[in-house]
PDB file of N, CA and C in Angstrom:
ATOM      1  N   MET A   1      31.403   5.709 -10.917  1.00  0.00           N
ATOM      2  CA  MET A   1      30.247   6.418 -11.495  1.00  0.00           C
ATOM      3  C   MET A   1      29.920   7.626 -10.661  1.00  0.00           C
ATOM      4  N   ILE A   2      29.598   8.743 -11.260  1.00  0.00           N
ATOM      5  CA  ILE A   2      29.218   9.872 -10.571  1.00  0.00           C
ATOM      6  C   ILE A   2      27.752   9.818 -10.290  1.00  0.00           C
ATOM      7  N   LYS A   3      27.324   9.990  -9.073  1.00  0.00           N
ATOM      8  CA  LYS A   3      26.000   9.934  -8.616  1.00  0.00           C
ATOM      9  C   LYS A   3      25.319  11.250  -8.662  1.00  0.00           C
ATOM     10  N   ILE A   4      24.173  11.434  -9.282  1.00  0.00           N
ATOM     11  CA  ILE A   4      23.685  12.775  -9.486  1.00  0.00           C
ATOM     12  C   ILE A   4      22.269  12.726  -8.751  1.00  0.00           C
ATOM     13  N   GLY A   5      21.982  13.677  -7.999  1.00  0.00           N
ATOM     14  CA  GLY A   5      20.733  13.948  -7.370  1.00  0.00           C
ATOM     15  C   GLY A   5      19.966  14.995  -8.128  1.00  0.00           C
ATOM     16  N   VAL A   6      18.686  14.814  -8.369  1.00  0.00           N
ATOM     17  CA  VAL A   6      17.883  15.796  -9.183  1.00  0.00           C
ATOM     18  C   VAL A   6      16.849  16.424  -8.198  1.00  0.00           C
ATOM     19  N   VAL A   7      16.792  17.747  -8.126  1.00  0.00           N
ATOM     20  CA  VAL A   7      15.798  18.470  -7.429  1.00  0.00           C
ATOM     21  C   VAL A   7      14.764  18.991  -8.374  1.00  0.00           C
ATOM     22  N   ASN A   8      13.574  18.528  -8.339  1.00  0.00           N
ATOM     23  CA  ASN A   8      12.406  18.890  -9.104  1.00  0.00           C
ATOM     24  C   ASN A   8      12.700  18.557 -10.592  1.00  0.00           C
ATOM     25  N   ILE A   9      11.714  18.031 -11.203  1.00  0.00           N
ATOM     26  CA  ILE A   9      11.836  17.814 -12.677  1.00  0.00           C
ATOM     27  C   ILE A   9      10.770  18.472 -13.444  1.00  0.00           C
ATOM     28  N   ASP A  10      10.665  19.779 -13.203  1.00  0.00           N
ATOM     29  CA  ASP A  10       9.664  20.705 -13.833  1.00  0.00           C
ATOM     30  C   ASP A  10       9.715  20.889 -15.298  1.00  0.00           C
ATOM     31  N   THR A  11      11.039  20.742 -15.799  1.00  0.00           N
ATOM     32  CA  THR A  11      11.251  21.056 -17.201  1.00  0.00           C
ATOM     33  C   THR A  11      11.482  19.741 -17.893  1.00  0.00           C
ATOM     34  N   SER A  12      11.873  19.934 -19.180  1.00  0.00           N
ATOM     35  CA  SER A  12      12.235  18.630 -20.044  1.00  0.00           C
ATOM     36  C   SER A  12      13.659  18.301 -19.840  1.00  0.00           C
ATOM     37  N   HIS A  13      14.401  19.150 -19.230  1.00  0.00           N
ATOM     38  CA  HIS A  13      15.831  18.867 -19.186  1.00  0.00           C
ATOM     39  C   HIS A  13      16.171  17.615 -18.311  1.00  0.00           C
ATOM     40  N   PRO A  14      15.548  17.352 -17.237  1.00  0.00           N
ATOM     41  CA  PRO A  14      16.001  16.171 -16.529  1.00  0.00           C
ATOM     42  C   PRO A  14      15.913  14.872 -17.284  1.00  0.00           C
ATOM     43  N   ALA A  15      14.856  14.613 -18.004  1.00  0.00           N
ATOM     44  CA  ALA A  15      14.711  13.379 -18.790  1.00  0.00           C
ATOM     45  C   ALA A  15      15.769  13.420 -19.954  1.00  0.00           C
ATOM     46  N   SER A  16      15.902  14.629 -20.589  1.00  0.00           N
ATOM     47  CA  SER A  16      16.934  14.645 -21.687  1.00  0.00           C
ATOM     48  C   SER A  16      18.287  14.380 -21.167  1.00  0.00           C
ATOM     49  N   PHE A  17      18.751  14.931 -19.981  1.00  0.00           N
ATOM     50  CA  PHE A  17      19.996  14.699 -19.396  1.00  0.00           C
ATOM     51  C   PHE A  17      20.162  13.253 -19.040  1.00  0.00           C
ATOM     52  N   ALA A  18      19.128  12.682 -18.420  1.00  0.00           N
ATOM     53  CA  ALA A  18      19.129  11.281 -17.967  1.00  0.00           C
ATOM     54  C   ALA A  18      19.482  10.337 -19.211  1.00  0.00           C
ATOM     55  N   ARG A  19      18.825  10.536 -20.250  1.00  0.00           N
ATOM     56  CA  ARG A  19      19.064   9.724 -21.505  1.00  0.00           C
ATOM     57  C   ARG A  19      20.532   9.749 -21.962  1.00  0.00           C
ATOM     58  N   ILE A  20      21.046  11.070 -21.959  1.00  0.00           N
ATOM     59  CA  ILE A  20      22.470  11.218 -22.325  1.00  0.00           C
ATOM     60  C   ILE A  20      23.416  10.587 -21.288  1.00  0.00           C
ATOM     61  N   LEU A  21      23.172  10.813 -20.055  1.00  0.00           N
ATOM     62  CA  LEU A  21      24.124  10.329 -19.009  1.00  0.00           C
ATOM     63  C   LEU A  21      24.120   8.849 -19.010  1.00  0.00           C
ATOM     64  N   HIS A  22      22.924   8.196 -19.183  1.00  0.00           N
ATOM     65  CA  HIS A  22      22.891   6.750 -19.075  1.00  0.00           C
ATOM     66  C   HIS A  22      23.588   6.149 -20.352  1.00  0.00           C
ATOM     67  N   LYS A  23      23.564   6.764 -21.458  1.00  0.00           N
ATOM     68  CA  LYS A  23      24.322   6.267 -22.678  1.00  0.00           C
ATOM     69  C   LYS A  23      25.866   6.158 -22.401  1.00  0.00           C
ATOM     70  N   GLU A  24      26.403   7.311 -21.759  1.00  0.00           N
ATOM     71  CA  GLU A  24      27.769   7.368 -21.396  1.00  0.00           C
ATOM     72  C   GLU A  24      28.254   6.425 -20.303  1.00  0.00           C
ATOM     73  N   ASN A  25      27.310   6.153 -19.359  1.00  0.00           N
ATOM     74  CA  ASN A  25      27.609   5.264 -18.283  1.00  0.00           C
ATOM     75  C   ASN A  25      28.750   5.708 -17.341  1.00  0.00           C
ATOM     76  N   ARG A  26      29.002   7.048 -17.308  1.00  0.00           N
ATOM     77  CA  ARG A  26      29.895   7.590 -16.415  1.00  0.00           C
ATOM     78  C   ARG A  26      29.275   8.253 -15.143  1.00  0.00           C
ATOM     79  N   ALA A  27      27.980   8.645 -15.387  1.00  0.00           N
ATOM     80  CA  ALA A  27      27.247   9.279 -14.397  1.00  0.00           C
ATOM     81  C   ALA A  27      25.754   8.961 -14.569  1.00  0.00           C
ATOM     82  N   ARG A  28      24.915   9.023 -13.507  1.00  0.00           N
ATOM     83  CA  ARG A  28      23.533   8.833 -13.671  1.00  0.00           C
ATOM     84  C   ARG A  28      22.858   9.438 -12.457  1.00  0.00           C
ATOM     85  N   TYR A  29      21.558   9.704 -12.771  1.00  0.00           N
ATOM     86  CA  TYR A  29      20.633  10.088 -11.560  1.00  0.00           C
ATOM     87  C   TYR A  29      20.489   8.865 -10.619  1.00  0.00           C
ATOM     88  N   THR A  30      20.667   9.129  -9.389  1.00  0.00           N
ATOM     89  CA  THR A  30      20.474   7.991  -8.443  1.00  0.00           C
ATOM     90  C   THR A  30      19.404   8.390  -7.445  1.00  0.00           C
ATOM     91  N   GLY A  31      19.059   9.706  -7.275  1.00  0.00           N
ATOM     92  CA  GLY A  31      18.033  10.114  -6.269  1.00  0.00           C
ATOM     93  C   GLY A  31      17.327  11.320  -6.770  1.00  0.00           C
ATOM     94  N   ILE A  32      16.169  11.556  -6.210  1.00  0.00           N
ATOM     95  CA  ILE A  32      15.371  12.708  -6.513  1.00  0.00           C
ATOM     96  C   ILE A  32      14.677  13.297  -5.278  1.00  0.00           C
ATOM     97  N   TYR A  33      14.578  14.547  -5.288  1.00  0.00           N
ATOM     98  CA  TYR A  33      13.752  15.304  -4.242  1.00  0.00           C
ATOM     99  C   TYR A  33      12.797  16.115  -5.153  1.00  0.00           C
ATOM    100  N   ASN A  34      11.499  16.131  -4.648  1.00  0.00           N
ATOM    101  CA  ASN A  34      10.569  16.999  -5.463  1.00  0.00           C
ATOM    102  C   ASN A  34       9.621  17.774  -4.542  1.00  0.00           C
ATOM    103  N   ASP A  35       9.679  19.123  -4.771  1.00  0.00           N
ATOM    104  CA  ASP A  35       8.533  19.980  -4.263  1.00  0.00           C
ATOM    105  C   ASP A  35       8.106  20.932  -5.280  1.00  0.00           C
ATOM    106  N   GLY A  36       8.357  20.514  -6.524  1.00  0.00           N
ATOM    107  CA  GLY A  36       7.854  21.295  -7.721  1.00  0.00           C
ATOM    108  C   GLY A  36       6.381  20.862  -7.998  1.00  0.00           C
ATOM    109  N   PHE A  37       6.002  21.161  -9.311  1.00  0.00           N
ATOM    110  CA  PHE A  37       4.696  21.030  -9.619  1.00  0.00           C
ATOM    111  C   PHE A  37       4.309  19.632 -10.257  1.00  0.00           C
ATOM    112  N   ARG A  38       5.282  18.782 -10.410  1.00  0.00           N
ATOM    113  CA  ARG A  38       5.035  17.376 -10.904  1.00  0.00           C
ATOM    114  C   ARG A  38       4.324  16.592  -9.883  1.00  0.00           C
ATOM    115  N   THR A  39       3.375  15.719 -10.305  1.00  0.00           N
ATOM    116  CA  THR A  39       2.596  14.948  -9.340  1.00  0.00           C
ATOM    117  C   THR A  39       3.379  13.693  -8.918  1.00  0.00           C
ATOM    118  N   ASP A  40       3.010  13.122  -7.893  1.00  0.00           N
ATOM    119  CA  ASP A  40       3.605  11.918  -7.450  1.00  0.00           C
ATOM    120  C   ASP A  40       3.713  10.757  -8.499  1.00  0.00           C
ATOM    121  N   GLU A  41       2.724  10.733  -9.309  1.00  0.00           N
ATOM    122  CA  GLU A  41       2.616   9.685 -10.333  1.00  0.00           C
ATOM    123  C   GLU A  41       3.775  10.088 -11.373  1.00  0.00           C
ATOM    124  N   GLU A  42       3.952  11.274 -11.727  1.00  0.00           N
ATOM    125  CA  GLU A  42       4.996  11.712 -12.637  1.00  0.00           C
ATOM    126  C   GLU A  42       6.421  11.393 -12.098  1.00  0.00           C
ATOM    127  N   ILE A  43       6.529  11.736 -10.780  1.00  0.00           N
ATOM    128  CA  ILE A  43       7.829  11.455 -10.121  1.00  0.00           C
ATOM    129  C   ILE A  43       8.136   9.966 -10.165  1.00  0.00           C
ATOM    130  N   GLU A  44       7.111   9.134  -9.740  1.00  0.00           N
ATOM    131  CA  GLU A  44       7.308   7.651  -9.699  1.00  0.00           C
ATOM    132  C   GLU A  44       7.671   7.125 -11.148  1.00  0.00           C
ATOM    133  N   GLU A  45       7.000   7.612 -12.179  1.00  0.00           N
ATOM    134  CA  GLU A  45       7.346   7.281 -13.516  1.00  0.00           C
ATOM    135  C   GLU A  45       8.811   7.569 -13.908  1.00  0.00           C
ATOM    136  N   PHE A  46       9.190   8.810 -13.486  1.00  0.00           N
ATOM    137  CA  PHE A  46      10.649   9.169 -13.726  1.00  0.00           C
ATOM    138  C   PHE A  46      11.595   8.301 -13.107  1.00  0.00           C
ATOM    139  N   ILE A  47      11.257   7.895 -11.845  1.00  0.00           N
ATOM    140  CA  ILE A  47      12.071   6.961 -10.972  1.00  0.00           C
ATOM    141  C   ILE A  47      12.107   5.601 -11.653  1.00  0.00           C
ATOM    142  N   ARG A  48      11.030   5.124 -12.123  1.00  0.00           N
ATOM    143  CA  ARG A  48      11.069   3.778 -12.826  1.00  0.00           C
ATOM    144  C   ARG A  48      11.765   3.954 -14.240  1.00  0.00           C
ATOM    145  N   GLU A  49      11.437   4.939 -14.970  1.00  0.00           N
ATOM    146  CA  GLU A  49      12.081   5.027 -16.339  1.00  0.00           C
ATOM    147  C   GLU A  49      13.616   5.185 -16.243  1.00  0.00           C
ATOM    148  N   PHE A  50      14.142   5.864 -15.340  1.00  0.00           N
ATOM    149  CA  PHE A  50      15.572   6.009 -15.206  1.00  0.00           C
ATOM    150  C   PHE A  50      16.214   5.198 -14.097  1.00  0.00           C
ATOM    151  N   ASN A  51      15.466   4.356 -13.450  1.00  0.00           N
ATOM    152  CA  ASN A  51      16.055   3.467 -12.452  1.00  0.00           C
ATOM    153  C   ASN A  51      16.713   4.133 -11.341  1.00  0.00           C
ATOM    154  N   LEU A  52      16.128   5.129 -10.767  1.00  0.00           N
ATOM    155  CA  LEU A  52      16.690   5.837  -9.644  1.00  0.00           C
ATOM    156  C   LEU A  52      16.697   5.045  -8.394  1.00  0.00           C
ATOM    157  N   GLU A  53      17.583   5.127  -7.542  1.00  0.00           N
ATOM    158  CA  GLU A  53      17.595   4.324  -6.293  1.00  0.00           C
ATOM    159  C   GLU A  53      16.601   4.724  -5.237  1.00  0.00           C
ATOM    160  N   LYS A  54      16.339   6.036  -5.151  1.00  0.00           N
ATOM    161  CA  LYS A  54      15.543   6.529  -4.013  1.00  0.00           C
ATOM    162  C   LYS A  54      14.959   7.902  -4.247  1.00  0.00           C
ATOM    163  N   ARG A  55      13.786   8.047  -3.724  1.00  0.00           N
ATOM    164  CA  ARG A  55      13.131   9.423  -3.539  1.00  0.00           C
ATOM    165  C   ARG A  55      13.288   9.913  -2.158  1.00  0.00           C
ATOM    166  N   TYR A  56      13.896  11.072  -2.076  1.00  0.00           N
ATOM    167  CA  TYR A  56      14.325  11.597  -0.760  1.00  0.00           C
ATOM    168  C   TYR A  56      13.244  12.539  -0.245  1.00  0.00           C
ATOM    169  N   ASP A  57      13.167  12.793   1.118  1.00  0.00           N
ATOM    170  CA  ASP A  57      12.194  13.606   1.681  1.00  0.00           C
ATOM    171  C   ASP A  57      12.713  15.111   1.861  1.00  0.00           C
ATOM    172  N   SER A  58      13.946  15.212   1.628  1.00  0.00           N
ATOM    173  CA  SER A  58      14.616  16.519   1.833  1.00  0.00           C
ATOM    174  C   SER A  58      15.800  16.724   0.898  1.00  0.00           C
ATOM    175  N   VAL A  59      16.122  18.002   0.553  1.00  0.00           N
ATOM    176  CA  VAL A  59      17.206  18.226  -0.284  1.00  0.00           C
ATOM    177  C   VAL A  59      18.579  17.937   0.517  1.00  0.00           C
ATOM    178  N   GLU A  60      18.548  18.124   1.820  1.00  0.00           N
ATOM    179  CA  GLU A  60      19.714  17.838   2.601  1.00  0.00           C
ATOM    180  C   GLU A  60      20.063  16.373   2.567  1.00  0.00           C
ATOM    181  N   GLU A  61      19.005  15.486   2.725  1.00  0.00           N
ATOM    182  CA  GLU A  61      19.228  14.065   2.673  1.00  0.00           C
ATOM    183  C   GLU A  61      19.702  13.694   1.274  1.00  0.00           C
ATOM    184  N   LEU A  62      19.135  14.161   0.209  1.00  0.00           N
ATOM    185  CA  LEU A  62      19.627  13.857  -1.119  1.00  0.00           C
ATOM    186  C   LEU A  62      21.128  14.293  -1.257  1.00  0.00           C
ATOM    187  N   ALA A  63      21.320  15.477  -0.884  1.00  0.00           N
ATOM    188  CA  ALA A  63      22.711  15.994  -1.056  1.00  0.00           C
ATOM    189  C   ALA A  63      23.754  15.116  -0.351  1.00  0.00           C
ATOM    190  N   GLN A  64      23.392  14.575   0.724  1.00  0.00           N
ATOM    191  CA  GLN A  64      24.360  13.682   1.411  1.00  0.00           C
ATOM    192  C   GLN A  64      24.652  12.326   0.716  1.00  0.00           C
ATOM    193  N   ALA A  65      23.691  11.938  -0.193  1.00  0.00           N
ATOM    194  CA  ALA A  65      23.763  10.662  -0.751  1.00  0.00           C
ATOM    195  C   ALA A  65      24.296  10.717  -2.194  1.00  0.00           C
ATOM    196  N   VAL A  66      24.544  11.871  -2.739  1.00  0.00           N
ATOM    197  CA  VAL A  66      25.045  11.977  -4.126  1.00  0.00           C
ATOM    198  C   VAL A  66      26.320  12.697  -4.216  1.00  0.00           C
ATOM    199  N   ASP A  67      26.936  12.814  -5.363  1.00  0.00           N
ATOM    200  CA  ASP A  67      28.125  13.513  -5.635  1.00  0.00           C
ATOM    201  C   ASP A  67      27.840  14.974  -6.075  1.00  0.00           C
ATOM    202  N   ILE A  68      26.702  15.163  -6.780  1.00  0.00           N
ATOM    203  CA  ILE A  68      26.425  16.458  -7.293  1.00  0.00           C
ATOM    204  C   ILE A  68      24.793  16.512  -7.337  1.00  0.00           C
ATOM    205  N   VAL A  69      24.349  17.823  -7.215  1.00  0.00           N
ATOM    206  CA  VAL A  69      22.866  18.019  -7.296  1.00  0.00           C
ATOM    207  C   VAL A  69      22.552  18.949  -8.486  1.00  0.00           C
ATOM    208  N   PHE A  70      21.580  18.467  -9.258  1.00  0.00           N
ATOM    209  CA  PHE A  70      21.074  19.299 -10.308  1.00  0.00           C
ATOM    210  C   PHE A  70      19.747  19.802  -9.887  1.00  0.00           C
ATOM    211  N   VAL A  71      19.601  21.194  -9.852  1.00  0.00           N
ATOM    212  CA  VAL A  71      18.261  21.800  -9.517  1.00  0.00           C
ATOM    213  C   VAL A  71      17.581  22.174 -10.785  1.00  0.00           C
ATOM    214  N   GLN A  72      16.435  21.509 -11.016  1.00  0.00           N
ATOM    215  CA  GLN A  72      15.816  21.629 -12.446  1.00  0.00           C
ATOM    216  C   GLN A  72      14.356  22.088 -12.372  1.00  0.00           C
ATOM    217  N   GLY A  73      14.011  22.881 -11.306  1.00  0.00           N
ATOM    218  CA  GLY A  73      12.669  23.387 -11.112  1.00  0.00           C
ATOM    219  C   GLY A  73      12.551  24.555 -12.039  1.00  0.00           C
ATOM    220  N   CYS A  74      11.335  24.986 -12.233  1.00  0.00           N
ATOM    221  CA  CYS A  74      11.206  26.136 -13.123  1.00  0.00           C
ATOM    222  C   CYS A  74      10.888  27.442 -12.224  1.00  0.00           C
ATOM    223  N   ASN A  75      10.872  27.304 -11.009  1.00  0.00           N
ATOM    224  CA  ASN A  75      10.913  28.484 -10.077  1.00  0.00           C
ATOM    225  C   ASN A  75      12.283  28.885  -9.905  1.00  0.00           C
ATOM    226  N   TRP A  76      12.794  29.709 -10.857  1.00  0.00           N
ATOM    227  CA  TRP A  76      14.214  30.059 -10.879  1.00  0.00           C
ATOM    228  C   TRP A  76      14.607  30.860  -9.586  1.00  0.00           C
ATOM    229  N   ASP A  77      13.654  31.565  -8.944  1.00  0.00           N
ATOM    230  CA  ASP A  77      13.944  32.313  -7.664  1.00  0.00           C
ATOM    231  C   ASP A  77      14.421  31.373  -6.518  1.00  0.00           C
ATOM    232  N   ARG A  78      14.083  30.119  -6.608  1.00  0.00           N
ATOM    233  CA  ARG A  78      14.347  29.190  -5.493  1.00  0.00           C
ATOM    234  C   ARG A  78      15.643  28.299  -5.758  1.00  0.00           C
ATOM    235  N   HIS A  79      16.270  28.475  -6.938  1.00  0.00           N
ATOM    236  CA  HIS A  79      17.386  27.679  -7.275  1.00  0.00           C
ATOM    237  C   HIS A  79      18.608  27.665  -6.169  1.00  0.00           C
ATOM    238  N   LEU A  80      18.928  28.831  -5.813  1.00  0.00           N
ATOM    239  CA  LEU A  80      19.930  29.002  -4.826  1.00  0.00           C
ATOM    240  C   LEU A  80      19.558  28.382  -3.446  1.00  0.00           C
ATOM    241  N   GLU A  81      18.398  28.630  -3.134  1.00  0.00           N
ATOM    242  CA  GLU A  81      17.842  27.974  -1.837  1.00  0.00           C
ATOM    243  C   GLU A  81      17.850  26.463  -1.833  1.00  0.00           C
ATOM    244  N   LEU A  82      17.557  25.983  -3.000  1.00  0.00           N
ATOM    245  CA  LEU A  82      17.529  24.427  -3.128  1.00  0.00           C
ATOM    246  C   LEU A  82      18.966  23.908  -3.282  1.00  0.00           C
ATOM    247  N   ALA A  83      19.840  24.739  -3.793  1.00  0.00           N
ATOM    248  CA  ALA A  83      21.181  24.208  -4.051  1.00  0.00           C
ATOM    249  C   ALA A  83      22.012  24.323  -2.720  1.00  0.00           C
ATOM    250  N   GLU A  84      21.625  25.215  -1.923  1.00  0.00           N
ATOM    251  CA  GLU A  84      22.514  25.577  -0.711  1.00  0.00           C
ATOM    252  C   GLU A  84      22.888  24.263   0.133  1.00  0.00           C
ATOM    253  N   PRO A  85      22.008  23.321   0.408  1.00  0.00           N
ATOM    254  CA  PRO A  85      22.374  22.176   1.147  1.00  0.00           C
ATOM    255  C   PRO A  85      23.466  21.430   0.520  1.00  0.00           C
ATOM    256  N   ALA A  86      23.568  21.273  -0.783  1.00  0.00           N
ATOM    257  CA  ALA A  86      24.616  20.618  -1.434  1.00  0.00           C
ATOM    258  C   ALA A  86      25.853  21.443  -1.424  1.00  0.00           C
ATOM    259  N   ILE A  87      25.777  22.789  -1.546  1.00  0.00           N
ATOM    260  CA  ILE A  87      26.982  23.603  -1.537  1.00  0.00           C
ATOM    261  C   ILE A  87      27.616  23.563  -0.195  1.00  0.00           C
ATOM    262  N   LYS A  88      26.809  23.657   0.890  1.00  0.00           N
ATOM    263  CA  LYS A  88      27.403  23.583   2.256  1.00  0.00           C
ATOM    264  C   LYS A  88      28.139  22.275   2.546  1.00  0.00           C
ATOM    265  N   LEU A  89      27.802  21.141   1.883  1.00  0.00           N
ATOM    266  CA  LEU A  89      28.511  19.956   2.167  1.00  0.00           C
ATOM    267  C   LEU A  89      29.860  19.917   1.473  1.00  0.00           C
ATOM    268  N   ARG A  90      30.118  20.777   0.545  1.00  0.00           N
ATOM    269  CA  ARG A  90      31.298  20.621  -0.274  1.00  0.00           C
ATOM    270  C   ARG A  90      32.263  21.587   0.246  1.00  0.00           C
TER     271      ARG A  90
END
């Protein structure tokens, strides 16, 4: 199974993707890093709803634990910055 890490869940996309991925059972979100506008309560609810394994303290730590990272924040100007740790590992 492909392990996906999600960075920020500011839009509706992360939950929509998670529902589709879990149905297929070939890939799923396993970890999350958040420095977006979602509250800790919202992050914890996402973790529970989609059975994520861990909340990470840094993008670097998340990137090392997964196969791919989805950056899903709504601050588009930061997408490259947030993706770089995963890109550098590949």
